[in-house]
């Protein structure tokens, strides 16, 4: 089965796509073809979106699904004229909240992802810069870090650090365990003072070999033997020093980040 999904929004469409993706992953055996239609903030754009969706309906004969976060009901109604199956993300929550809070909502486009709090935005930018300057042991001054990810090369340290910086404002550094570190089986001296901030990442050896092969084809670095040895030594080091470790093979960055923050007791809300 194949279904077409449209994430339609009067803003960036990030909220619609994030929620829609989470819901769609619950359905196995369906091939979802997804499209984002952002910034539908006037009647002309709403009619254009409706025409695009209606055309797709006519072409494949299967009703498209629209995950909608447009705040203006008039514009939502225009999009609904396409004949699509409409899923209004906010509708189930707004009215009950208005009753509970005894207050009417103040519809505003882009409030969830707009630049409404400069302090929070600056924290995210500073954290992102921190993650970049402290990537792969480039800067080893970890005094200001919130956490330090440790692991062998290509286990997912950098993208995880950047995700936590961008979404949570966390100052996350990462340190790549070198062959010398692994041979000594000792925690590098520069990490010892920050023992409580350390968190280890691991991965399946076969998957690591695939990733490394794409980066450095036919090198010792990418052989399955080298990957198994490095991961085995890293695991011994983590266990010896009591460092919490997470396998990233079948885990999304979002889940990895959430587990790390929980394990280290770092309370941050998503921006």
Protein backbone atom coordinates (compact mmCIF):
# COMPACT_ATOMS: atom_id res chain seq x y z
CA UNK A 1 0.00 0.00 0.00
CA UNK A 2 1.20 3.48 -0.85
CA UNK A 3 -0.25 6.73 0.51
CA UNK A 4 0.66 10.33 -0.10
CA UNK A 5 1.09 12.60 2.92
CA UNK A 6 1.15 16.40 2.86
CA UNK A 7 2.42 18.37 5.85
CA UNK A 8 0.65 21.71 5.43
CA UNK A 9 1.40 24.70 7.64
CA UNK A 10 1.18 28.47 7.80
CA UNK A 11 4.72 28.39 9.23
CA UNK A 12 7.74 26.19 8.60
CA UNK A 13 5.84 22.90 8.75
CA UNK A 14 8.32 21.49 11.27
CA UNK A 15 5.64 20.78 13.88
CA UNK A 16 3.33 19.09 11.37
CA UNK A 17 6.14 16.95 10.01
CA UNK A 18 7.49 15.99 13.44
CA UNK A 19 4.12 14.92 14.81
CA UNK A 20 3.04 13.34 11.54
CA UNK A 21 6.23 11.31 11.24
CA UNK A 22 5.85 10.03 14.81
CA UNK A 23 2.33 8.84 14.08
CA UNK A 24 3.10 7.32 10.68
CA UNK A 25 5.91 5.16 12.07
CA UNK A 26 3.22 3.21 13.94
CA UNK A 27 1.93 1.75 10.66
CA UNK A 28 3.95 -1.07 9.11
CA UNK A 29 3.44 -2.19 5.54
CA UNK A 30 2.45 1.23 4.23
CA UNK A 31 4.77 3.14 1.89
CA UNK A 32 4.30 6.81 2.74
CA UNK A 33 5.35 9.42 0.18
CA UNK A 34 5.59 12.70 2.07
CA UNK A 35 5.67 16.35 1.00
CA UNK A 36 5.87 19.56 3.01
CA UNK A 37 3.88 22.66 1.99
CA UNK A 38 4.98 25.46 4.33
CA UNK A 39 3.98 29.13 4.70
CA UNK A 40 0.36 28.70 3.58
CA UNK A 41 -0.63 32.02 5.16
CA UNK A 42 -3.12 33.56 2.71
CA UNK A 43 -6.02 32.47 0.51
CA UNK A 44 -3.98 32.32 -2.70
CA UNK A 45 -1.45 29.96 -1.14
CA UNK A 46 -4.21 27.86 0.42
CA UNK A 47 -5.91 27.45 -2.96
CA UNK A 48 -2.59 26.58 -4.58
CA UNK A 49 -1.99 23.92 -1.93
CA UNK A 50 -5.51 22.56 -2.38
CA UNK A 51 -5.03 22.33 -6.15
CA UNK A 52 -1.74 20.50 -5.75
CA UNK A 53 -3.29 17.99 -3.35
CA UNK A 54 -6.44 17.57 -5.47
CA UNK A 55 -4.29 16.94 -8.57
CA UNK A 56 -2.38 14.19 -6.76
CA UNK A 57 -5.72 12.66 -5.75
CA UNK A 58 -6.88 12.64 -9.37
CA UNK A 59 -3.63 11.18 -10.64
CA UNK A 60 -3.33 8.18 -8.33
CA UNK A 61 -6.97 7.70 -7.29
CA UNK A 62 -6.12 7.39 -3.60
CA UNK A 63 -7.14 10.11 -1.16
CA UNK A 64 -4.11 12.02 0.15
CA UNK A 65 -3.67 12.60 3.87
CA UNK A 66 -3.02 16.13 5.12
CA UNK A 67 -1.37 16.74 8.50
CA UNK A 68 -2.42 20.33 9.08
CA UNK A 69 -1.14 23.00 11.48
CA UNK A 70 -2.72 26.07 9.85
CA UNK A 71 -4.13 28.29 12.59
CA UNK A 72 -6.65 30.20 10.41
CA UNK A 73 -9.77 28.04 10.07
CA UNK A 74 -10.75 29.75 6.82
CA UNK A 75 -7.47 28.70 5.20
CA UNK A 76 -7.80 25.18 6.58
CA UNK A 77 -11.27 24.92 5.05
CA UNK A 78 -9.86 25.93 1.65
CA UNK A 79 -7.21 23.21 1.86
CA UNK A 80 -9.91 20.70 2.86
CA UNK A 81 -11.71 21.42 -0.43
CA UNK A 82 -9.01 19.24 -2.03
CA UNK A 83 -10.91 16.20 -0.77
CA UNK A 84 -7.96 15.02 1.33
CA UNK A 85 -8.30 13.27 4.66
CA UNK A 86 -7.56 16.13 7.06
CA UNK A 87 -5.74 15.67 10.35
CA UNK A 88 -5.74 18.96 12.27
CA UNK A 89 -2.94 18.64 14.82
CA UNK A 90 -4.11 21.36 17.22
CA UNK A 91 -7.88 20.83 17.03
CA UNK A 92 -8.20 18.12 19.75
CA UNK A 93 -6.30 20.25 22.27
CA UNK A 94 -7.33 23.88 21.79
CA UNK A 95 -10.95 23.79 22.99
CA UNK A 96 -10.34 21.61 26.09
CA UNK A 97 -7.42 23.86 27.05
CA UNK A 98 -9.49 26.99 26.59
CA UNK A 99 -12.04 25.53 29.00
CA UNK A 100 -9.43 24.43 31.53
CA UNK A 101 -7.42 27.66 31.40
CA UNK A 102 -10.52 29.84 31.08
CA UNK A 103 -8.73 31.76 28.37
CA UNK A 104 -8.98 32.02 24.60
CA UNK A 105 -6.00 31.12 22.47
CA UNK A 106 -4.05 33.83 20.70
CA UNK A 107 -3.40 32.39 17.22
CA UNK A 108 0.00 33.38 15.97
CA UNK A 109 1.86 31.88 13.06
CA UNK A 110 5.25 30.32 13.77
CA UNK A 111 5.08 30.70 17.55
CA UNK A 112 6.47 27.21 18.19
CA UNK A 113 9.60 27.74 16.07
CA UNK A 114 9.83 31.51 15.85
CA UNK A 115 12.43 33.76 17.43
CA UNK A 116 10.33 34.67 20.46
CA UNK A 117 12.91 34.28 23.23
CA UNK A 118 16.30 35.76 22.41
CA UNK A 119 17.86 34.31 25.55
CA UNK A 120 16.91 30.77 24.59
CA UNK A 121 18.00 31.34 20.99
CA UNK A 122 21.39 32.65 22.10
CA UNK A 123 21.82 29.63 24.39
CA UNK A 124 21.22 27.31 21.44
CA UNK A 125 23.70 29.19 19.24
CA UNK A 126 26.34 29.21 21.98
CA UNK A 127 25.82 25.50 22.62
CA UNK A 128 26.12 24.73 18.90
CA UNK A 129 29.35 26.71 18.64
CA UNK A 130 30.61 24.85 21.71
CA UNK A 131 29.81 21.47 20.14
CA UNK A 132 31.67 22.43 16.96
CA UNK A 133 34.79 23.75 18.71
CA UNK A 134 34.88 20.73 21.05
CA UNK A 135 34.29 18.15 18.33
CA UNK A 136 36.57 15.09 18.16
CA UNK A 137 38.91 16.40 20.82
CA UNK A 138 39.82 19.59 18.91
CA UNK A 139 39.45 21.70 22.07
CA UNK A 140 39.97 19.70 25.26
CA UNK A 141 39.09 22.45 27.72
CA UNK A 142 35.96 20.81 29.09
CA UNK A 143 35.41 23.09 32.09
CA UNK A 144 32.21 24.60 30.67
CA UNK A 145 30.80 21.36 29.28
CA UNK A 146 27.48 19.88 30.35
CA UNK A 147 28.53 16.45 29.13
CA UNK A 148 31.25 14.69 27.13
CA UNK A 149 30.50 11.82 24.75
CA UNK A 150 33.25 9.22 24.50
CA UNK A 151 33.69 6.46 21.93
CA UNK A 152 35.67 5.20 18.97
CA UNK A 153 35.54 6.99 15.64
CA UNK A 154 32.19 7.07 13.76
CA UNK A 155 29.81 5.86 16.47
CA UNK A 156 27.62 8.97 16.24
CA UNK A 157 29.20 11.35 18.73
CA UNK A 158 29.18 14.49 16.57
CA UNK A 159 25.56 14.39 15.31
CA UNK A 160 24.32 13.59 18.82
CA UNK A 161 26.22 16.55 20.28
CA UNK A 162 24.88 18.90 17.61
CA UNK A 163 21.31 17.66 18.11
CA UNK A 164 21.46 18.28 21.86
CA UNK A 165 22.96 21.72 21.29
CA UNK A 166 20.38 22.79 18.70
CA UNK A 167 17.32 21.43 20.49
CA UNK A 168 18.23 21.64 24.18
CA UNK A 169 21.00 24.23 24.40
CA UNK A 170 23.31 21.61 25.95
CA UNK A 171 27.05 22.21 25.77
CA UNK A 172 28.12 18.77 24.60
CA UNK A 173 31.73 17.95 23.78
CA UNK A 174 33.02 14.68 22.44
CA UNK A 175 36.28 12.80 22.70
CA UNK A 176 37.35 10.09 20.22
CA UNK A 177 39.19 7.19 21.83
CA UNK A 178 42.48 6.73 19.97
CA UNK A 179 44.28 3.46 19.37
CA UNK A 180 46.79 4.50 22.04
CA UNK A 181 43.97 5.08 24.54
CA UNK A 182 42.52 1.68 23.73
CA UNK A 183 45.85 -0.13 24.04
CA UNK A 184 46.52 1.42 27.46
CA UNK A 185 42.95 0.73 28.60
CA UNK A 186 43.08 3.85 30.72
CA UNK A 187 40.79 6.81 30.78
CA UNK A 188 42.69 9.69 29.10
CA UNK A 189 44.04 12.05 31.76
CA UNK A 190 42.27 15.05 30.25
CA UNK A 191 38.92 13.32 30.89
CA UNK A 192 39.56 12.23 34.47
CA UNK A 193 38.51 15.55 36.11
CA UNK A 194 35.18 15.35 34.29
CA UNK A 195 34.38 11.73 35.09
CA UNK A 196 30.76 12.48 36.11
CA UNK A 197 30.05 14.17 32.76
CA UNK A 198 31.18 11.23 30.61
CA UNK A 199 28.84 9.04 28.58
CA UNK A 200 29.92 6.30 26.19
CA UNK A 201 28.59 5.44 22.74
CA UNK A 202 29.02 2.11 20.99
CA UNK A 203 27.73 0.43 17.83
CA UNK A 204 27.55 -2.93 16.11
CA UNK A 205 30.96 -3.83 14.55
CA UNK A 206 29.45 -4.69 11.16
CA UNK A 207 27.62 -1.37 10.99
CA UNK A 208 30.75 0.50 12.07
CA UNK A 209 32.75 -1.21 9.32
CA UNK A 210 30.14 -0.13 6.74
CA UNK A 211 30.28 3.49 7.90
CA UNK A 212 34.07 3.54 7.91
CA UNK A 213 34.27 1.83 4.53
CA UNK A 214 32.27 4.69 3.03
CA UNK A 215 34.67 7.17 4.60
CA UNK A 216 37.99 5.37 3.96
CA UNK A 217 37.49 2.53 1.48
CA UNK A 218 39.73 -0.55 1.78
CA UNK A 219 41.66 0.77 4.77
CA UNK A 220 42.67 -1.04 7.96
CA UNK A 221 40.50 1.54 9.74
CA UNK A 222 37.42 0.06 8.02
CA UNK A 223 38.13 -3.66 8.46
CA UNK A 224 35.73 -5.68 10.58
CA UNK A 225 38.69 -6.95 12.64
CA UNK A 226 39.79 -3.43 13.55
CA UNK A 227 36.24 -2.39 14.36
CA UNK A 228 35.71 -5.40 16.62
CA UNK A 229 38.98 -4.79 18.43
CA UNK A 230 38.32 -1.08 19.01
CA UNK A 231 34.77 -1.63 20.21
CA UNK A 232 35.86 -4.49 22.46
CA UNK A 233 38.59 -2.39 24.07
CA UNK A 234 36.25 0.57 24.46
CA UNK A 235 33.67 -1.65 26.15
CA UNK A 236 36.30 -2.90 28.61
CA UNK A 237 37.29 0.69 29.38
CA UNK A 238 33.68 1.76 29.92
CA UNK A 239 33.00 -1.18 32.24
CA UNK A 240 36.23 -0.71 34.18
CA UNK A 241 35.49 2.95 34.85
CA UNK A 242 31.77 2.54 35.35
CA UNK A 243 30.84 4.77 32.40
CA UNK A 244 27.26 4.44 31.16
CA UNK A 245 27.19 3.38 27.52
CA UNK A 246 24.54 3.22 24.81
CA UNK A 247 24.53 1.24 21.58
CA UNK A 248 23.52 3.49 18.68
CA UNK A 249 23.04 0.84 15.99
CA UNK A 250 19.24 0.82 15.90
CA UNK A 251 18.51 4.01 17.87
CA UNK A 252 17.58 7.43 16.54
CA UNK A 253 19.54 10.52 17.54
CA UNK A 254 16.44 11.82 19.33
CA UNK A 255 16.25 8.72 21.52
CA UNK A 256 20.00 8.64 22.11
CA UNK A 257 19.94 12.26 23.28
CA UNK A 258 16.94 11.71 25.54
CA UNK A 259 18.55 8.71 27.24
CA UNK A 260 21.85 10.56 27.73
CA UNK A 261 20.18 13.60 29.33
CA UNK A 262 18.12 11.35 31.61
CA UNK A 263 21.12 9.23 32.62
CA UNK A 264 23.22 12.29 33.50
CA UNK A 265 20.35 14.06 35.24
CA UNK A 266 20.38 17.05 32.88
CA UNK A 267 16.97 18.73 32.91
CA UNK A 268 16.41 20.78 29.76
CA UNK A 269 13.25 21.44 27.79
CA UNK A 270 13.20 21.29 24.01
CA UNK A 271 13.29 24.70 22.32
